[in-house]
Amino acid sequence: MFTVASIRHVRAQHAIGSRRNNPAEPGEITVPQAARILGVHESTVYPWLRSGEMPARQARHRRWCIPWNDEIEQHWKQRVATEPRIRRPNRNNEKGQAV
C-alpha cells in the first residue's frame, strides 16, 4: 500500500512532478520580479494589477505576467518615487538581521 510519504519519496527520487515554471513569456515579468525591480513589497503590486492600472494577464496557476520594457519600468519607478505611502520590503528582516 502506498502512503503519502512513500509517494513523495518516489516522486523526489525520480524527479517526478510539476514544478511551477516561470509562466512569463519574453517581454514579461512576474510579480516578484516587478516588486524587486521597483523596490516595493509584492503586496503593493497586486492592487495595481487588480485595478487595471498595471496591465497584465493571468497565466496558468493564476500567476500574473506583466509586459515589461524600459519605458514601463521608468514609468513605475517614477510613480513609486513620488508616492510616499508605498509599502517597501524590510531589507534587514529579509536577510535575517535585527531591525
N, C-alpha and C. Protein backbone atom coordinates (compact mmCIF):
# COMPACT_ATOMS: atom_id res chain seq x y z
N MET A 1 0.84 -1.17 0.00
CA MET A 1 0.00 0.00 0.00
C MET A 1 0.89 1.24 0.00
N PHE A 2 0.46 2.23 -0.78
CA PHE A 2 1.21 3.48 -0.86
C PHE A 2 0.67 4.48 0.16
N THR A 3 1.57 5.18 0.79
CA THR A 3 1.20 6.26 1.69
C THR A 3 1.63 7.58 1.04
N VAL A 4 1.17 8.66 1.61
CA VAL A 4 1.55 9.97 1.09
C VAL A 4 3.07 10.12 1.15
N ALA A 5 3.66 9.69 2.25
CA ALA A 5 5.11 9.81 2.42
C ALA A 5 5.86 8.97 1.38
N SER A 6 5.37 7.75 1.12
CA SER A 6 6.07 6.91 0.15
C SER A 6 5.95 7.46 -1.27
N ILE A 7 4.81 8.03 -1.58
CA ILE A 7 4.63 8.64 -2.90
C ILE A 7 5.54 9.86 -3.05
N ARG A 8 5.62 10.68 -2.01
CA ARG A 8 6.52 11.84 -2.05
C ARG A 8 7.97 11.39 -2.25
N HIS A 9 8.33 10.32 -1.56
CA HIS A 9 9.69 9.79 -1.68
C HIS A 9 9.99 9.35 -3.11
N VAL A 10 9.08 8.59 -3.70
CA VAL A 10 9.28 8.10 -5.07
C VAL A 10 9.34 9.29 -6.04
N ARG A 11 8.46 10.26 -5.86
CA ARG A 11 8.47 11.43 -6.74
C ARG A 11 9.77 12.21 -6.62
N ALA A 12 10.27 12.34 -5.41
CA ALA A 12 11.52 13.07 -5.20
C ALA A 12 12.71 12.30 -5.78
N GLN A 13 12.74 10.99 -5.60
CA GLN A 13 13.84 10.16 -6.10
C GLN A 13 13.94 10.20 -7.61
N HIS A 14 12.80 10.27 -8.28
CA HIS A 14 12.78 10.20 -9.74
C HIS A 14 12.45 11.53 -10.41
N ALA A 15 12.47 12.60 -9.62
CA ALA A 15 12.19 13.95 -10.13
C ALA A 15 10.87 13.99 -10.89
N ILE A 16 9.86 13.38 -10.32
CA ILE A 16 8.53 13.38 -10.93
C ILE A 16 7.72 14.49 -10.28
N GLY A 17 7.08 15.28 -11.08
CA GLY A 17 6.23 16.32 -10.54
C GLY A 17 6.17 17.51 -11.46
N SER A 18 5.29 18.39 -11.14
CA SER A 18 5.16 19.58 -11.96
C SER A 18 5.69 20.76 -11.17
N ARG A 19 6.86 21.21 -11.53
CA ARG A 19 7.41 22.41 -10.93
C ARG A 19 6.70 23.60 -11.56
N ARG A 20 6.52 24.60 -10.78
CA ARG A 20 5.91 25.83 -11.30
C ARG A 20 6.97 26.57 -12.09
N ASN A 21 6.94 26.37 -13.37
CA ASN A 21 7.88 27.08 -14.23
C ASN A 21 7.45 28.53 -14.35
N ASN A 22 8.37 29.34 -14.78
CA ASN A 22 8.07 30.75 -14.99
C ASN A 22 7.04 30.86 -16.11
N PRO A 23 5.84 31.37 -15.82
CA PRO A 23 4.80 31.46 -16.84
C PRO A 23 4.98 32.62 -17.81
N ALA A 24 5.90 33.52 -17.46
CA ALA A 24 6.06 34.72 -18.29
C ALA A 24 6.71 34.38 -19.63
N GLU A 25 6.23 35.05 -20.64
CA GLU A 25 6.80 34.91 -21.98
C GLU A 25 7.86 36.00 -22.16
N PRO A 26 8.63 35.95 -23.23
CA PRO A 26 9.62 37.01 -23.47
C PRO A 26 8.95 38.38 -23.46
N GLY A 27 9.57 39.33 -22.77
CA GLY A 27 9.00 40.67 -22.66
C GLY A 27 8.04 40.81 -21.50
N GLU A 28 7.92 39.78 -20.66
CA GLU A 28 7.04 39.81 -19.50
C GLU A 28 7.84 39.44 -18.25
N ILE A 29 7.35 39.92 -17.11
CA ILE A 29 7.94 39.54 -15.83
C ILE A 29 6.83 39.15 -14.87
N THR A 30 7.19 38.54 -13.75
CA THR A 30 6.22 38.13 -12.75
C THR A 30 6.14 39.19 -11.65
N VAL A 31 5.19 39.04 -10.75
CA VAL A 31 5.01 39.99 -9.65
C VAL A 31 6.27 40.08 -8.77
N PRO A 32 6.86 38.95 -8.36
CA PRO A 32 8.08 39.08 -7.54
C PRO A 32 9.21 39.84 -8.27
N GLN A 33 9.33 39.61 -9.56
CA GLN A 33 10.36 40.32 -10.32
C GLN A 33 10.05 41.81 -10.38
N ALA A 34 8.80 42.17 -10.63
CA ALA A 34 8.41 43.59 -10.68
C ALA A 34 8.65 44.26 -9.34
N ALA A 35 8.28 43.59 -8.26
CA ALA A 35 8.47 44.15 -6.93
C ALA A 35 9.95 44.38 -6.64
N ARG A 36 10.78 43.42 -7.02
CA ARG A 36 12.22 43.54 -6.80
C ARG A 36 12.80 44.71 -7.61
N ILE A 37 12.41 44.83 -8.86
CA ILE A 37 12.90 45.91 -9.73
C ILE A 37 12.48 47.28 -9.18
N LEU A 38 11.23 47.38 -8.72
CA LEU A 38 10.71 48.66 -8.25
C LEU A 38 11.07 48.96 -6.80
N GLY A 39 11.58 47.96 -6.08
CA GLY A 39 11.95 48.17 -4.68
C GLY A 39 10.75 48.31 -3.77
N VAL A 40 9.67 47.59 -4.10
CA VAL A 40 8.46 47.62 -3.28
C VAL A 40 8.11 46.21 -2.84
N HIS A 41 7.19 46.12 -1.91
CA HIS A 41 6.71 44.82 -1.45
C HIS A 41 5.76 44.25 -2.51
N GLU A 42 5.73 42.93 -2.64
CA GLU A 42 4.83 42.30 -3.62
C GLU A 42 3.38 42.70 -3.41
N SER A 43 2.98 42.88 -2.15
CA SER A 43 1.59 43.25 -1.87
C SER A 43 1.23 44.63 -2.41
N THR A 44 2.22 45.42 -2.76
CA THR A 44 1.97 46.73 -3.36
C THR A 44 1.59 46.59 -4.83
N VAL A 45 2.10 45.58 -5.50
CA VAL A 45 1.88 45.41 -6.93
C VAL A 45 0.48 44.85 -7.23
N TYR A 46 -0.02 43.96 -6.38
CA TYR A 46 -1.30 43.30 -6.66
C TYR A 46 -2.48 44.25 -6.83
N PRO A 47 -2.65 45.29 -6.00
CA PRO A 47 -3.77 46.22 -6.25
C PRO A 47 -3.68 46.92 -7.60
N TRP A 48 -2.46 47.23 -8.04
CA TRP A 48 -2.30 47.86 -9.36
C TRP A 48 -2.78 46.91 -10.46
N LEU A 49 -2.49 45.62 -10.28
CA LEU A 49 -2.91 44.63 -11.27
C LEU A 49 -4.42 44.46 -11.26
N ARG A 50 -4.99 44.32 -10.07
CA ARG A 50 -6.44 44.09 -9.95
C ARG A 50 -7.25 45.28 -10.45
N SER A 51 -6.73 46.49 -10.24
CA SER A 51 -7.47 47.68 -10.67
C SER A 51 -7.29 47.98 -12.15
N GLY A 52 -6.30 47.32 -12.78
CA GLY A 52 -6.05 47.55 -14.19
C GLY A 52 -5.05 48.66 -14.45
N GLU A 53 -4.53 49.29 -13.39
CA GLU A 53 -3.53 50.36 -13.57
C GLU A 53 -2.27 49.81 -14.23
N MET A 54 -1.88 48.61 -13.82
CA MET A 54 -0.71 47.95 -14.39
C MET A 54 -1.23 46.83 -15.28
N PRO A 55 -1.14 46.97 -16.60
CA PRO A 55 -1.65 45.93 -17.50
C PRO A 55 -0.91 44.61 -17.29
N ALA A 56 -1.65 43.53 -17.33
CA ALA A 56 -1.07 42.20 -17.16
C ALA A 56 -2.08 41.16 -17.59
N ARG A 57 -1.61 39.92 -17.65
CA ARG A 57 -2.51 38.80 -17.93
C ARG A 57 -2.24 37.73 -16.87
N GLN A 58 -3.23 36.88 -16.68
CA GLN A 58 -3.03 35.78 -15.75
C GLN A 58 -2.77 34.51 -16.54
N ALA A 59 -1.65 33.86 -16.21
CA ALA A 59 -1.26 32.61 -16.86
C ALA A 59 -1.78 31.45 -16.02
N ARG A 60 -1.31 30.26 -16.34
CA ARG A 60 -1.74 29.09 -15.57
C ARG A 60 -1.38 29.26 -14.10
N HIS A 61 -2.08 28.59 -13.26
CA HIS A 61 -1.95 28.70 -11.81
C HIS A 61 -2.28 30.12 -11.33
N ARG A 62 -2.99 30.89 -12.17
CA ARG A 62 -3.43 32.25 -11.86
C ARG A 62 -2.27 33.18 -11.52
N ARG A 63 -1.12 32.94 -12.11
CA ARG A 63 0.04 33.79 -11.89
C ARG A 63 0.03 34.95 -12.88
N TRP A 64 0.34 36.14 -12.38
CA TRP A 64 0.32 37.34 -13.20
C TRP A 64 1.58 37.43 -14.06
N CYS A 65 1.42 37.84 -15.31
CA CYS A 65 2.51 38.09 -16.24
C CYS A 65 2.37 39.54 -16.70
N ILE A 66 3.39 40.33 -16.42
CA ILE A 66 3.34 41.78 -16.67
C ILE A 66 4.22 42.13 -17.87
N PRO A 67 3.65 42.73 -18.90
CA PRO A 67 4.50 43.20 -20.01
C PRO A 67 5.51 44.21 -19.46
N TRP A 68 6.77 44.10 -19.88
CA TRP A 68 7.81 44.93 -19.28
C TRP A 68 8.83 45.36 -20.32
N ASN A 69 9.15 46.64 -20.32
CA ASN A 69 10.24 47.17 -21.13
C ASN A 69 10.80 48.39 -20.39
N ASP A 70 11.77 49.05 -20.97
CA ASP A 70 12.42 50.19 -20.30
C ASP A 70 11.45 51.33 -20.02
N GLU A 71 10.55 51.58 -20.96
CA GLU A 71 9.59 52.68 -20.79
C GLU A 71 8.63 52.40 -19.64
N ILE A 72 8.13 51.18 -19.58
CA ILE A 72 7.21 50.80 -18.49
C ILE A 72 7.94 50.84 -17.16
N GLU A 73 9.16 50.33 -17.13
CA GLU A 73 9.94 50.34 -15.89
C GLU A 73 10.15 51.77 -15.40
N GLN A 74 10.49 52.67 -16.31
CA GLN A 74 10.71 54.08 -15.94
C GLN A 74 9.43 54.69 -15.37
N HIS A 75 8.30 54.42 -16.02
CA HIS A 75 7.01 54.94 -15.54
C HIS A 75 6.73 54.50 -14.11
N TRP A 76 6.90 53.21 -13.83
CA TRP A 76 6.58 52.70 -12.50
C TRP A 76 7.60 53.11 -11.45
N LYS A 77 8.86 53.23 -11.84
CA LYS A 77 9.86 53.72 -10.88
C LYS A 77 9.55 55.17 -10.49
N GLN A 78 9.12 55.97 -11.46
CA GLN A 78 8.75 57.35 -11.19
C GLN A 78 7.53 57.40 -10.26
N ARG A 79 6.58 56.56 -10.50
CA ARG A 79 5.37 56.51 -9.67
C ARG A 79 5.72 56.12 -8.24
N VAL A 80 6.59 55.12 -8.10
CA VAL A 80 7.00 54.68 -6.76
C VAL A 80 7.74 55.80 -6.04
N ALA A 81 8.58 56.52 -6.76
CA ALA A 81 9.37 57.59 -6.15
C ALA A 81 8.51 58.75 -5.66
N THR A 82 7.38 58.98 -6.32
CA THR A 82 6.53 60.12 -5.96
C THR A 82 5.43 59.76 -4.97
N GLU A 83 5.26 58.50 -4.64
CA GLU A 83 4.23 58.09 -3.70
C GLU A 83 4.83 57.69 -2.37
N PRO A 84 4.62 58.50 -1.33
CA PRO A 84 5.26 58.22 -0.04
C PRO A 84 4.64 57.05 0.72
N ARG A 85 3.41 56.67 0.40
CA ARG A 85 2.73 55.64 1.19
C ARG A 85 2.91 54.23 0.65
N ILE A 86 3.80 54.04 -0.29
CA ILE A 86 4.02 52.72 -0.87
C ILE A 86 4.80 51.86 0.11
N ARG A 87 4.33 50.64 0.29
CA ARG A 87 4.98 49.70 1.21
C ARG A 87 6.24 49.14 0.56
N ARG A 88 7.34 49.29 1.28
CA ARG A 88 8.63 48.78 0.79
C ARG A 88 9.07 47.62 1.67
N PRO A 89 9.76 46.63 1.10
CA PRO A 89 10.19 45.50 1.91
C PRO A 89 11.25 45.93 2.92
N ASN A 90 11.27 45.24 4.05
CA ASN A 90 12.27 45.50 5.09
C ASN A 90 13.50 44.67 4.73
N ARG A 91 14.50 45.29 4.16
CA ARG A 91 15.70 44.58 3.69
C ARG A 91 16.42 43.89 4.85
N ASN A 92 16.47 44.50 6.03
CA ASN A 92 17.15 43.87 7.16
C ASN A 92 16.46 42.59 7.60
N ASN A 93 15.14 42.61 7.60
CA ASN A 93 14.37 41.45 8.04
C ASN A 93 14.51 40.29 7.06
N GLU A 94 14.58 40.58 5.77
CA GLU A 94 14.69 39.52 4.77
C GLU A 94 16.01 38.78 4.87
N LYS A 95 17.04 39.45 5.37
CA LYS A 95 18.36 38.84 5.49
C LYS A 95 18.56 38.19 6.85
N GLY A 96 17.52 38.20 7.68
CA GLY A 96 17.62 37.57 8.98
C GLY A 96 18.37 38.41 10.00
N GLN A 97 18.50 39.72 9.75
CA GLN A 97 19.19 40.60 10.65
C GLN A 97 18.20 41.28 11.57
N ALA A 98 18.70 41.77 12.66
CA ALA A 98 17.84 42.51 13.59
C ALA A 98 17.42 43.83 12.96
N VAL A 99 16.24 44.27 13.35
CA VAL A 99 15.71 45.51 12.80
C VAL A 99 16.20 46.67 13.60
